Structure formats: structure tokens, C-alpha cells
Amino acid sequence: MTNTINFVDGIDGLAAGVSLIAALALAFNALRQDPPQATIALLPLALAGACAGFLLFNFPPARIFMGDSGAEFLGYMLGVSAIIGGAKLATVLLVLGVPILDVAWLIVARALAGRSPAQGGRDHLHLRLLDLGFSTRQIVIFYYALSASFGVLGISGAEPRLKLLALLLLALIVAAVIAYVSRRAAATAR
């Protein structure tokens, strides 16, 4: 989780916004337990408040920047919140599905190319979308929309089969976007 949020911190407002959505989902998940885990919800709620305050100055065009330490802290705190809050794996995978799938894609693609997965590059999904002409705001809103919509499904009382289908749908959407972006980037490079 730590590296996932750090990898997604490539454009203004992306890491903080996705972390805000994830923290809210984890807090609501803790509060909807039987009995409600109000004290457990405090950590993700505090994290959500910090992200919201930071986003006021980091949403495009940013006036302040997070850096690796901030992004890794957010990822770590989200991971801790998921563990102590008893969030099911499907909940975390749904709300952070886009960044997680992007990181998985990067690891496989970089390993197949003979590069270290930790090596930097412009092959992140958000940077490829930027290179294709999408604005920073469009990319951020795309990530927010997917994270929020699947996050709501993750914390809803939907049956596990529906959540699994939603997770598969999310994987298909992200895989299709990544494949499209990869093909366009390869065609542009020629």
C-alpha cells in the first residue's frame, strides 16, 4: 500500500484525493460494523481530514506538493487502517483498485522489459494519459470517480458475489484503459 500511493503521486491532487476517498471508505466501513467501531474510525477520519486540508492547496494547479515521504505515509496509514478496521480485502481492492492495478501492470511490464520495477519512468497510467493530451484535472477526476464509485460498492452491504463482479469489472475497465493508452503511446513513439 505504501508504494502504491507513492507510485500514484505523479500529478497534482491524485495521491491526496484517492487517499481521501479510501480513508472515508475505511472509516465508514469501521462505523458500519456490528457493533460500530467508532474508535477505529478515528484514524482514517483524521487521515481524510488531513488529505482534505492538503487538497485545498494541492488540487490542480498545485501550490504545495506532497513528495515521497507524504505519499508513503498516506499509503502506510491506509494499510494500517484497513488492518485494524477489519476491512475485507474486497473493500480495499475496490476503493484503491485503479492505483493497485496500475502498480501491478508496471511491475509486470517493467520486469518483462528487463527493468527494475522500482526504476522511475513515464509509464504510469496517469502520466501516459497526460502525454496523450488529457488535462491533469480530467485524469484526477477519472481516478476520483472510479475510486469513489467502487469504494461505495465496497462498503455497501452488497453480497460478496456482486462485489467480486464489481472487482472484475474494475479490473476490466482499468486493463482496457491501460491497453488503450499503451497502444496509443507505442503508436506515438513511432
N, C-alpha and C. Protein backbone atom coordinates (compact mmCIF):
# COMPACT_ATOMS: atom_id res chain seq x y z
N MET A 1 0.82 -1.19 0.00
CA MET A 1 0.00 0.00 0.00
C MET A 1 0.87 1.26 0.00
N THR A 2 1.96 1.19 0.74
CA THR A 2 2.86 2.34 0.82
C THR A 2 3.38 2.72 -0.56
N ASN A 3 3.88 1.74 -1.29
CA ASN A 3 4.40 2.01 -2.63
C ASN A 3 3.29 2.34 -3.62
N THR A 4 2.13 1.77 -3.45
CA THR A 4 1.02 2.05 -4.36
C THR A 4 0.67 3.53 -4.34
N ILE A 5 0.52 4.10 -3.16
CA ILE A 5 0.19 5.52 -3.08
C ILE A 5 1.37 6.37 -3.54
N ASN A 6 2.58 5.95 -3.26
CA ASN A 6 3.75 6.69 -3.73
C ASN A 6 3.83 6.67 -5.25
N PHE A 7 3.52 5.54 -5.87
CA PHE A 7 3.55 5.45 -7.34
C PHE A 7 2.49 6.35 -7.97
N VAL A 8 1.35 6.53 -7.30
CA VAL A 8 0.27 7.32 -7.89
C VAL A 8 0.47 8.82 -7.66
N ASP A 9 1.49 9.19 -6.89
CA ASP A 9 1.75 10.59 -6.61
C ASP A 9 2.60 11.21 -7.73
N GLY A 10 2.03 11.26 -8.92
CA GLY A 10 2.78 11.78 -10.06
C GLY A 10 2.21 13.05 -10.65
N ILE A 11 0.98 13.38 -10.30
CA ILE A 11 0.37 14.62 -10.76
C ILE A 11 -0.39 15.26 -9.60
N ASP A 12 -0.62 16.54 -9.72
CA ASP A 12 -1.26 17.32 -8.66
C ASP A 12 -2.59 16.72 -8.23
N GLY A 13 -2.76 16.54 -6.94
CA GLY A 13 -4.04 16.16 -6.37
C GLY A 13 -4.41 14.70 -6.45
N LEU A 14 -3.60 13.88 -7.10
CA LEU A 14 -4.00 12.49 -7.31
C LEU A 14 -3.86 11.64 -6.04
N ALA A 15 -2.69 11.62 -5.45
CA ALA A 15 -2.47 10.78 -4.26
C ALA A 15 -3.35 11.23 -3.09
N ALA A 16 -3.42 12.53 -2.86
CA ALA A 16 -4.21 13.03 -1.73
C ALA A 16 -5.70 12.76 -1.94
N GLY A 17 -6.19 12.94 -3.16
CA GLY A 17 -7.62 12.72 -3.42
C GLY A 17 -8.02 11.26 -3.33
N VAL A 18 -7.22 10.38 -3.91
CA VAL A 18 -7.52 8.95 -3.84
C VAL A 18 -7.40 8.48 -2.39
N SER A 19 -6.41 8.99 -1.66
CA SER A 19 -6.26 8.63 -0.24
C SER A 19 -7.43 9.14 0.59
N LEU A 20 -7.93 10.33 0.28
CA LEU A 20 -9.10 10.88 0.97
C LEU A 20 -10.31 9.96 0.77
N ILE A 21 -10.54 9.54 -0.45
CA ILE A 21 -11.67 8.65 -0.75
C ILE A 21 -11.50 7.32 -0.04
N ALA A 22 -10.29 6.77 -0.08
CA ALA A 22 -10.03 5.48 0.57
C ALA A 22 -10.19 5.59 2.08
N ALA A 23 -9.69 6.67 2.67
CA ALA A 23 -9.81 6.86 4.12
C ALA A 23 -11.28 6.97 4.54
N LEU A 24 -12.07 7.70 3.76
CA LEU A 24 -13.50 7.80 4.08
C LEU A 24 -14.19 6.44 3.99
N ALA A 25 -13.84 5.68 2.96
CA ALA A 25 -14.43 4.34 2.81
C ALA A 25 -14.05 3.44 3.98
N LEU A 26 -12.81 3.50 4.41
CA LEU A 26 -12.37 2.68 5.54
C LEU A 26 -13.03 3.13 6.84
N ALA A 27 -13.22 4.44 7.01
CA ALA A 27 -13.90 4.95 8.21
C ALA A 27 -15.36 4.49 8.23
N PHE A 28 -16.05 4.63 7.10
CA PHE A 28 -17.45 4.19 7.04
C PHE A 28 -17.56 2.68 7.23
N ASN A 29 -16.58 1.95 6.73
CA ASN A 29 -16.57 0.50 6.93
C ASN A 29 -16.48 0.17 8.42
N ALA A 30 -15.62 0.88 9.15
CA ALA A 30 -15.49 0.64 10.59
C ALA A 30 -16.77 1.03 11.33
N LEU A 31 -17.42 2.09 10.88
CA LEU A 31 -18.64 2.56 11.56
C LEU A 31 -19.85 1.68 11.27
N ARG A 32 -19.83 0.95 10.19
CA ARG A 32 -20.99 0.11 9.87
C ARG A 32 -20.88 -1.31 10.41
N GLN A 33 -19.78 -1.59 11.13
CA GLN A 33 -19.62 -2.90 11.75
C GLN A 33 -20.65 -3.06 12.87
N ASP A 34 -20.89 -4.28 13.28
CA ASP A 34 -21.82 -4.52 14.38
C ASP A 34 -21.05 -5.13 15.54
N PRO A 35 -20.77 -4.42 16.60
CA PRO A 35 -21.11 -3.03 16.90
C PRO A 35 -20.18 -2.08 16.15
N PRO A 36 -20.61 -0.83 15.97
CA PRO A 36 -19.78 0.15 15.27
C PRO A 36 -18.43 0.36 15.98
N GLN A 37 -17.37 0.45 15.22
CA GLN A 37 -16.03 0.63 15.77
C GLN A 37 -15.63 2.10 15.66
N ALA A 38 -16.26 2.93 16.51
CA ALA A 38 -16.06 4.38 16.42
C ALA A 38 -14.61 4.77 16.69
N THR A 39 -13.96 4.12 17.64
CA THR A 39 -12.57 4.49 17.93
C THR A 39 -11.64 4.09 16.79
N ILE A 40 -11.95 3.00 16.13
CA ILE A 40 -11.14 2.56 14.98
C ILE A 40 -11.33 3.52 13.82
N ALA A 41 -12.52 4.09 13.67
CA ALA A 41 -12.80 5.01 12.56
C ALA A 41 -12.07 6.34 12.71
N LEU A 42 -11.57 6.65 13.90
CA LEU A 42 -10.90 7.93 14.11
C LEU A 42 -9.64 8.08 13.26
N LEU A 43 -8.86 7.03 13.12
CA LEU A 43 -7.61 7.12 12.35
C LEU A 43 -7.89 7.44 10.87
N PRO A 44 -8.74 6.67 10.19
CA PRO A 44 -8.99 7.06 8.80
C PRO A 44 -9.72 8.40 8.66
N LEU A 45 -10.54 8.76 9.63
CA LEU A 45 -11.20 10.07 9.57
C LEU A 45 -10.19 11.20 9.71
N ALA A 46 -9.22 11.04 10.61
CA ALA A 46 -8.17 12.04 10.76
C ALA A 46 -7.34 12.13 9.48
N LEU A 47 -7.05 10.98 8.89
CA LEU A 47 -6.30 10.95 7.63
C LEU A 47 -7.09 11.63 6.52
N ALA A 48 -8.41 11.39 6.48
CA ALA A 48 -9.26 12.04 5.48
C ALA A 48 -9.26 13.55 5.67
N GLY A 49 -9.32 14.00 6.92
CA GLY A 49 -9.28 15.43 7.20
C GLY A 49 -7.97 16.06 6.77
N ALA A 50 -6.87 15.37 7.03
CA ALA A 50 -5.55 15.88 6.62
C ALA A 50 -5.47 15.95 5.09
N CYS A 51 -5.98 14.93 4.42
CA CYS A 51 -5.96 14.92 2.95
C CYS A 51 -6.84 16.03 2.39
N ALA A 52 -7.99 16.25 3.00
CA ALA A 52 -8.89 17.31 2.51
C ALA A 52 -8.24 18.69 2.67
N GLY A 53 -7.62 18.92 3.82
CA GLY A 53 -6.93 20.19 4.03
C GLY A 53 -5.77 20.37 3.06
N PHE A 54 -5.04 19.31 2.81
CA PHE A 54 -3.91 19.37 1.89
C PHE A 54 -4.39 19.60 0.45
N LEU A 55 -5.51 18.95 0.10
CA LEU A 55 -6.04 19.05 -1.27
C LEU A 55 -6.44 20.48 -1.63
N LEU A 56 -6.80 21.28 -0.63
CA LEU A 56 -7.14 22.68 -0.92
C LEU A 56 -5.99 23.39 -1.61
N PHE A 57 -4.76 22.96 -1.32
CA PHE A 57 -3.58 23.60 -1.89
C PHE A 57 -2.87 22.74 -2.94
N ASN A 58 -3.32 21.47 -3.07
CA ASN A 58 -2.65 20.56 -3.98
C ASN A 58 -3.47 20.22 -5.22
N PHE A 59 -4.77 20.57 -5.20
CA PHE A 59 -5.59 20.29 -6.37
C PHE A 59 -5.10 21.15 -7.52
N PRO A 60 -5.10 20.61 -8.73
CA PRO A 60 -4.52 21.35 -9.87
C PRO A 60 -5.15 22.73 -10.07
N PRO A 61 -4.34 23.75 -10.24
CA PRO A 61 -2.87 23.79 -10.20
C PRO A 61 -2.38 23.87 -8.76
N ALA A 62 -1.46 23.01 -8.40
CA ALA A 62 -0.98 22.90 -7.02
C ALA A 62 -0.10 24.06 -6.62
N ARG A 63 -0.22 24.41 -5.34
CA ARG A 63 0.67 25.42 -4.75
C ARG A 63 1.65 24.79 -3.78
N ILE A 64 1.32 23.58 -3.29
CA ILE A 64 2.24 22.81 -2.45
C ILE A 64 2.25 21.37 -2.95
N PHE A 65 3.31 20.64 -2.61
CA PHE A 65 3.48 19.29 -3.11
C PHE A 65 3.78 18.33 -1.97
N MET A 66 3.39 17.09 -2.14
CA MET A 66 3.48 16.10 -1.09
C MET A 66 4.87 15.48 -0.98
N GLY A 67 5.42 15.01 -2.03
CA GLY A 67 6.71 14.32 -2.01
C GLY A 67 6.56 12.87 -1.59
N ASP A 68 7.66 12.14 -1.68
CA ASP A 68 7.65 10.71 -1.37
C ASP A 68 7.28 10.41 0.08
N SER A 69 7.80 11.20 1.00
CA SER A 69 7.53 10.94 2.42
C SER A 69 6.04 11.06 2.73
N GLY A 70 5.40 12.07 2.17
CA GLY A 70 3.97 12.25 2.40
C GLY A 70 3.15 11.14 1.77
N ALA A 71 3.49 10.76 0.53
CA ALA A 71 2.74 9.71 -0.16
C ALA A 71 2.93 8.36 0.54
N GLU A 72 4.15 8.07 0.96
CA GLU A 72 4.39 6.81 1.65
C GLU A 72 3.69 6.78 3.00
N PHE A 73 3.63 7.92 3.68
CA PHE A 73 2.90 7.98 4.94
C PHE A 73 1.42 7.70 4.71
N LEU A 74 0.84 8.31 3.67
CA LEU A 74 -0.58 8.06 3.37
C LEU A 74 -0.83 6.58 3.09
N GLY A 75 0.02 5.97 2.28
CA GLY A 75 -0.14 4.55 1.97
C GLY A 75 -0.02 3.68 3.20
N TYR A 76 0.95 4.00 4.04
CA TYR A 76 1.13 3.23 5.27
C TYR A 76 -0.10 3.35 6.17
N MET A 77 -0.60 4.56 6.34
CA MET A 77 -1.75 4.78 7.21
C MET A 77 -3.01 4.11 6.65
N LEU A 78 -3.15 4.11 5.34
CA LEU A 78 -4.30 3.40 4.74
C LEU A 78 -4.19 1.90 4.98
N GLY A 79 -2.99 1.36 4.85
CA GLY A 79 -2.78 -0.05 5.12
C GLY A 79 -3.08 -0.41 6.57
N VAL A 80 -2.60 0.42 7.49
CA VAL A 80 -2.86 0.20 8.92
C VAL A 80 -4.36 0.31 9.20
N SER A 81 -5.01 1.31 8.61
CA SER A 81 -6.45 1.49 8.82
C SER A 81 -7.24 0.30 8.31
N ALA A 82 -6.82 -0.26 7.20
CA ALA A 82 -7.52 -1.43 6.65
C ALA A 82 -7.36 -2.63 7.58
N ILE A 83 -6.17 -2.79 8.14
CA ILE A 83 -5.93 -3.94 9.02
C ILE A 83 -6.67 -3.80 10.34
N ILE A 84 -6.53 -2.65 11.00
CA ILE A 84 -7.16 -2.51 12.32
C ILE A 84 -8.67 -2.34 12.22
N GLY A 85 -9.15 -1.87 11.08
CA GLY A 85 -10.59 -1.67 10.91
C GLY A 85 -11.32 -2.91 10.46
N GLY A 86 -10.60 -3.97 10.20
CA GLY A 86 -11.25 -5.21 9.79
C GLY A 86 -11.86 -5.14 8.40
N ALA A 87 -11.34 -4.26 7.57
CA ALA A 87 -11.88 -4.15 6.21
C ALA A 87 -11.59 -5.43 5.45
N LYS A 88 -12.55 -5.87 4.73
CA LYS A 88 -12.36 -7.04 3.89
C LYS A 88 -11.44 -6.66 2.74
N LEU A 89 -10.75 -7.62 2.22
CA LEU A 89 -9.83 -7.40 1.13
C LEU A 89 -10.55 -6.78 -0.07
N ALA A 90 -11.77 -7.23 -0.33
CA ALA A 90 -12.52 -6.70 -1.47
C ALA A 90 -12.78 -5.21 -1.33
N THR A 91 -13.03 -4.74 -0.11
CA THR A 91 -13.27 -3.31 0.11
C THR A 91 -12.05 -2.49 -0.26
N VAL A 92 -10.89 -2.92 0.22
CA VAL A 92 -9.65 -2.18 -0.08
C VAL A 92 -9.32 -2.28 -1.57
N LEU A 93 -9.49 -3.45 -2.14
CA LEU A 93 -9.20 -3.62 -3.57
C LEU A 93 -10.12 -2.78 -4.44
N LEU A 94 -11.37 -2.64 -4.04
CA LEU A 94 -12.31 -1.85 -4.83
C LEU A 94 -11.99 -0.37 -4.76
N VAL A 95 -11.77 0.15 -3.55
CA VAL A 95 -11.56 1.60 -3.41
C VAL A 95 -10.20 2.03 -3.96
N LEU A 96 -9.20 1.16 -3.89
CA LEU A 96 -7.87 1.51 -4.40
C LEU A 96 -7.52 0.68 -5.64
N GLY A 97 -8.54 0.21 -6.33
CA GLY A 97 -8.33 -0.66 -7.48
C GLY A 97 -7.51 -0.06 -8.60
N VAL A 98 -7.76 1.19 -8.95
CA VAL A 98 -7.04 1.81 -10.06
C VAL A 98 -5.55 1.91 -9.74
N PRO A 99 -5.15 2.48 -8.59
CA PRO A 99 -3.72 2.53 -8.29
C PRO A 99 -3.08 1.14 -8.15
N ILE A 100 -3.79 0.19 -7.53
CA ILE A 100 -3.24 -1.14 -7.35
C ILE A 100 -3.03 -1.83 -8.69
N LEU A 101 -4.00 -1.74 -9.59
CA LEU A 101 -3.85 -2.36 -10.91
C LEU A 101 -2.76 -1.68 -11.73
N ASP A 102 -2.63 -0.37 -11.59
CA ASP A 102 -1.56 0.34 -12.29
C ASP A 102 -0.20 -0.13 -11.80
N VAL A 103 -0.04 -0.29 -10.50
CA VAL A 103 1.23 -0.76 -9.94
C VAL A 103 1.52 -2.19 -10.40
N ALA A 104 0.49 -3.04 -10.38
CA ALA A 104 0.68 -4.43 -10.84
C ALA A 104 1.11 -4.45 -12.31
N TRP A 105 0.46 -3.62 -13.13
CA TRP A 105 0.82 -3.52 -14.55
C TRP A 105 2.26 -3.06 -14.70
N LEU A 106 2.65 -2.04 -13.94
CA LEU A 106 4.02 -1.52 -14.01
C LEU A 106 5.05 -2.57 -13.63
N ILE A 107 4.78 -3.30 -12.58
CA ILE A 107 5.73 -4.32 -12.12
C ILE A 107 5.93 -5.36 -13.21
N VAL A 108 4.84 -5.86 -13.78
CA VAL A 108 4.94 -6.88 -14.82
C VAL A 108 5.60 -6.32 -16.08
N ALA A 109 5.15 -5.15 -16.53
CA ALA A 109 5.70 -4.56 -17.76
C ALA A 109 7.18 -4.24 -17.62
N ARG A 110 7.57 -3.68 -16.49
CA ARG A 110 8.99 -3.35 -16.29
C ARG A 110 9.83 -4.60 -16.16
N ALA A 111 9.33 -5.63 -15.48
CA ALA A 111 10.08 -6.88 -15.35
C ALA A 111 10.24 -7.55 -16.71
N LEU A 112 9.18 -7.55 -17.53
CA LEU A 112 9.27 -8.15 -18.86
C LEU A 112 10.23 -7.38 -19.77
N ALA A 113 10.37 -6.08 -19.52
CA ALA A 113 11.29 -5.25 -20.31
C ALA A 113 12.72 -5.31 -19.77
N GLY A 114 12.93 -6.08 -18.68
CA GLY A 114 14.25 -6.21 -18.10
C GLY A 114 14.66 -5.03 -17.22
N ARG A 115 13.67 -4.23 -16.80
CA ARG A 115 13.94 -3.09 -15.93
C ARG A 115 13.52 -3.41 -14.52
N SER A 116 14.08 -2.69 -13.59
CA SER A 116 13.68 -2.84 -12.19
C SER A 116 12.30 -2.21 -12.00
N PRO A 117 11.39 -2.90 -11.30
CA PRO A 117 10.08 -2.30 -11.04
C PRO A 117 10.16 -1.01 -10.23
N ALA A 118 11.25 -0.82 -9.48
CA ALA A 118 11.41 0.38 -8.67
C ALA A 118 11.99 1.56 -9.45
N GLN A 119 12.43 1.29 -10.68
CA GLN A 119 13.00 2.35 -11.51
C GLN A 119 11.89 3.29 -11.98
N GLY A 120 12.17 4.57 -11.96
CA GLY A 120 11.17 5.55 -12.38
C GLY A 120 10.95 5.53 -13.88
N GLY A 121 9.89 6.16 -14.30
CA GLY A 121 9.59 6.24 -15.72
C GLY A 121 8.27 6.94 -15.96
N ARG A 122 7.95 7.16 -17.21
CA ARG A 122 6.69 7.80 -17.57
C ARG A 122 5.66 6.77 -18.00
N ASP A 123 5.78 5.55 -17.50
CA ASP A 123 4.85 4.51 -17.90
C ASP A 123 3.69 4.31 -16.92
N HIS A 124 3.56 5.19 -15.93
CA HIS A 124 2.39 5.16 -15.05
C HIS A 124 1.17 5.55 -15.87
N LEU A 125 0.01 5.00 -15.52
CA LEU A 125 -1.22 5.28 -16.25
C LEU A 125 -1.51 6.78 -16.28
N HIS A 126 -1.40 7.45 -15.13
CA HIS A 126 -1.74 8.88 -15.11
C HIS A 126 -0.78 9.70 -15.97
N LEU A 127 0.48 9.32 -16.05
CA LEU A 127 1.43 10.06 -16.89
C LEU A 127 1.21 9.77 -18.37
N ARG A 128 0.82 8.55 -18.69
CA ARG A 128 0.52 8.23 -20.09
C ARG A 128 -0.73 8.98 -20.56
N LEU A 129 -1.72 9.06 -19.68
CA LEU A 129 -2.91 9.84 -20.03
C LEU A 129 -2.55 11.31 -20.23
N LEU A 130 -1.67 11.83 -19.40
CA LEU A 130 -1.20 13.21 -19.54
C LEU A 130 -0.48 13.40 -20.87
N ASP A 131 0.38 12.44 -21.24
CA ASP A 131 1.11 12.51 -22.50
C ASP A 131 0.17 12.44 -23.72
N LEU A 132 -1.00 11.81 -23.54
CA LEU A 132 -1.96 11.71 -24.64
C LEU A 132 -2.82 12.96 -24.78
N GLY A 133 -2.63 13.93 -23.89
CA GLY A 133 -3.34 15.18 -24.04
C GLY A 133 -4.47 15.42 -23.05
N PHE A 134 -4.72 14.48 -22.16
CA PHE A 134 -5.73 14.71 -21.13
C PHE A 134 -5.17 15.71 -20.13
N SER A 135 -6.03 16.55 -19.60
CA SER A 135 -5.58 17.53 -18.62
C SER A 135 -5.40 16.85 -17.26
N THR A 136 -4.63 17.49 -16.41
CA THR A 136 -4.42 16.97 -15.06
C THR A 136 -5.75 16.83 -14.33
N ARG A 137 -6.60 17.82 -14.47
CA ARG A 137 -7.92 17.76 -13.81
C ARG A 137 -8.76 16.59 -14.34
N GLN A 138 -8.74 16.35 -15.64
CA GLN A 138 -9.51 15.23 -16.20
C GLN A 138 -9.02 13.90 -15.64
N ILE A 139 -7.72 13.74 -15.55
CA ILE A 139 -7.15 12.49 -15.03
C ILE A 139 -7.51 12.31 -13.56
N VAL A 140 -7.38 13.38 -12.79
CA VAL A 140 -7.68 13.31 -11.36
C VAL A 140 -9.16 12.98 -11.16
N ILE A 141 -10.04 13.62 -11.89
CA ILE A 141 -11.47 13.34 -11.77
C ILE A 141 -11.79 11.90 -12.18
N PHE A 142 -11.12 11.39 -13.21
CA PHE A 142 -11.30 9.99 -13.64
C PHE A 142 -10.93 9.05 -12.49
N TYR A 143 -9.78 9.26 -11.88
CA TYR A 143 -9.36 8.43 -10.76
C TYR A 143 -10.33 8.56 -9.58
N TYR A 144 -10.72 9.79 -9.26
CA TYR A 144 -11.65 10.01 -8.15
C TYR A 144 -12.98 9.29 -8.40
N ALA A 145 -13.50 9.42 -9.61
CA ALA A 145 -14.80 8.82 -9.93
C ALA A 145 -14.76 7.30 -9.80
N LEU A 146 -13.72 6.69 -10.34
CA LEU A 146 -13.62 5.23 -10.22
C LEU A 146 -13.42 4.82 -8.77
N SER A 147 -12.55 5.51 -8.06
CA SER A 147 -12.30 5.15 -6.66
C SER A 147 -13.56 5.32 -5.81
N ALA A 148 -14.26 6.41 -6.00
CA ALA A 148 -15.47 6.66 -5.20
C ALA A 148 -16.59 5.69 -5.54
N SER A 149 -16.83 5.46 -6.81
CA SER A 149 -17.94 4.57 -7.17
C SER A 149 -17.68 3.14 -6.72
N PHE A 150 -16.48 2.65 -6.92
CA PHE A 150 -16.19 1.30 -6.46
C PHE A 150 -16.01 1.23 -4.95
N GLY A 151 -15.58 2.33 -4.34
CA GLY A 151 -15.48 2.38 -2.88
C GLY A 151 -16.85 2.28 -2.22
N VAL A 152 -17.82 2.98 -2.78
CA VAL A 152 -19.19 2.90 -2.25
C VAL A 152 -19.71 1.48 -2.35
N LEU A 153 -19.44 0.84 -3.46
CA LEU A 153 -19.86 -0.56 -3.61
C LEU A 153 -19.13 -1.44 -2.60
N GLY A 154 -17.85 -1.15 -2.36
CA GLY A 154 -17.06 -1.95 -1.43
C GLY A 154 -17.57 -1.88 -0.01
N ILE A 155 -18.06 -0.72 0.42
CA ILE A 155 -18.54 -0.60 1.80
C ILE A 155 -20.04 -0.84 1.93
N SER A 156 -20.69 -1.03 0.80
CA SER A 156 -22.13 -1.29 0.85
C SER A 156 -22.37 -2.69 1.39
N GLY A 157 -23.59 -2.96 1.66
CA GLY A 157 -23.96 -4.28 2.16
C GLY A 157 -24.21 -5.29 1.04
N ALA A 158 -23.67 -5.01 -0.13
CA ALA A 158 -23.88 -5.90 -1.27
C ALA A 158 -23.30 -7.28 -0.97
N GLU A 159 -23.91 -8.27 -1.58
CA GLU A 159 -23.44 -9.63 -1.35
C GLU A 159 -22.06 -9.83 -1.98
N PRO A 160 -21.29 -10.76 -1.45
CA PRO A 160 -19.91 -10.95 -1.91
C PRO A 160 -19.78 -11.22 -3.41
N ARG A 161 -20.74 -11.93 -3.99
CA ARG A 161 -20.67 -12.20 -5.44
C ARG A 161 -20.73 -10.90 -6.25
N LEU A 162 -21.59 -9.98 -5.82
CA LEU A 162 -21.70 -8.70 -6.51
C LEU A 162 -20.40 -7.91 -6.38
N LYS A 163 -19.79 -7.96 -5.21
CA LYS A 163 -18.51 -7.27 -5.01
C LYS A 163 -17.43 -7.89 -5.89
N LEU A 164 -17.44 -9.21 -6.01
CA LEU A 164 -16.47 -9.87 -6.87
C LEU A 164 -16.67 -9.47 -8.33
N LEU A 165 -17.93 -9.42 -8.76
CA LEU A 165 -18.22 -8.98 -10.12
C LEU A 165 -17.78 -7.53 -10.34
N ALA A 166 -18.00 -6.69 -9.33
CA ALA A 166 -17.57 -5.29 -9.43
C ALA A 166 -16.05 -5.20 -9.51
N LEU A 167 -15.37 -6.03 -8.74
CA LEU A 167 -13.91 -6.05 -8.79
C LEU A 167 -13.42 -6.48 -10.17
N LEU A 168 -14.07 -7.47 -10.74
CA LEU A 168 -13.71 -7.91 -12.10
C LEU A 168 -14.01 -6.81 -13.12
N LEU A 169 -15.13 -6.12 -12.95
CA LEU A 169 -15.47 -5.01 -13.85
C LEU A 169 -14.43 -3.90 -13.75
N LEU A 170 -14.03 -3.58 -12.54
CA LEU A 170 -13.00 -2.56 -12.34
C LEU A 170 -11.70 -2.99 -13.01
N ALA A 171 -11.32 -4.25 -12.84
CA ALA A 171 -10.10 -4.75 -13.47
C ALA A 171 -10.19 -4.66 -14.99
N LEU A 172 -11.36 -4.97 -15.55
CA LEU A 172 -11.54 -4.87 -17.00
C LEU A 172 -11.47 -3.42 -17.49
N ILE A 173 -12.08 -2.51 -16.75
CA ILE A 173 -12.06 -1.09 -17.13
C ILE A 173 -10.62 -0.58 -17.12
N VAL A 174 -9.93 -0.84 -16.04
CA VAL A 174 -8.56 -0.34 -15.92
C VAL A 174 -7.65 -1.02 -16.94
N ALA A 175 -7.81 -2.32 -17.14
CA ALA A 175 -6.99 -3.03 -18.13
C ALA A 175 -7.25 -2.48 -19.53
N ALA A 176 -8.52 -2.18 -19.84
CA ALA A 176 -8.84 -1.61 -21.15
C ALA A 176 -8.21 -0.23 -21.33
N VAL A 177 -8.27 0.60 -20.29
CA VAL A 177 -7.67 1.93 -20.37
C VAL A 177 -6.15 1.81 -20.52
N ILE A 178 -5.54 0.93 -19.74
CA ILE A 178 -4.09 0.75 -19.82
C ILE A 178 -3.69 0.23 -21.20
N ALA A 179 -4.44 -0.74 -21.72
CA ALA A 179 -4.12 -1.27 -23.05
C ALA A 179 -4.27 -0.19 -24.12
N TYR A 180 -5.33 0.59 -24.03
CA TYR A 180 -5.54 1.68 -24.99
C TYR A 180 -4.40 2.70 -24.93
N VAL A 181 -4.06 3.09 -23.72
CA VAL A 181 -3.00 4.08 -23.53
C VAL A 181 -1.66 3.53 -24.01
N SER A 182 -1.41 2.26 -23.74
CA SER A 182 -0.15 1.65 -24.18
C SER A 182 -0.06 1.62 -25.70
N ARG A 183 -1.16 1.25 -26.36
CA ARG A 183 -1.16 1.23 -27.83
C ARG A 183 -0.97 2.62 -28.41
N ARG A 184 -1.65 3.61 -27.82
CA ARG A 184 -1.51 4.98 -28.31
C ARG A 184 -0.10 5.50 -28.08
N ALA A 185 0.49 5.18 -26.94
CA ALA A 185 1.86 5.63 -26.65
C ALA A 185 2.85 4.97 -27.61
N ALA A 186 2.64 3.69 -27.92
CA ALA A 186 3.53 2.99 -28.85
C ALA A 186 3.40 3.58 -30.25
N ALA A 187 2.17 3.90 -30.65
CA ALA A 187 1.95 4.49 -31.98
C ALA A 187 2.55 5.89 -32.07
N THR A 188 2.48 6.63 -30.99
CA THR A 188 3.04 7.98 -30.96
C THR A 188 4.57 7.95 -31.00
N ALA A 189 5.17 6.91 -30.38
CA ALA A 189 6.62 6.80 -30.31
C ALA A 189 7.23 6.48 -31.67
N ARG A 190 6.44 5.91 -32.56
CA ARG A 190 6.98 5.53 -33.88
C ARG A 190 7.19 6.70 -34.71
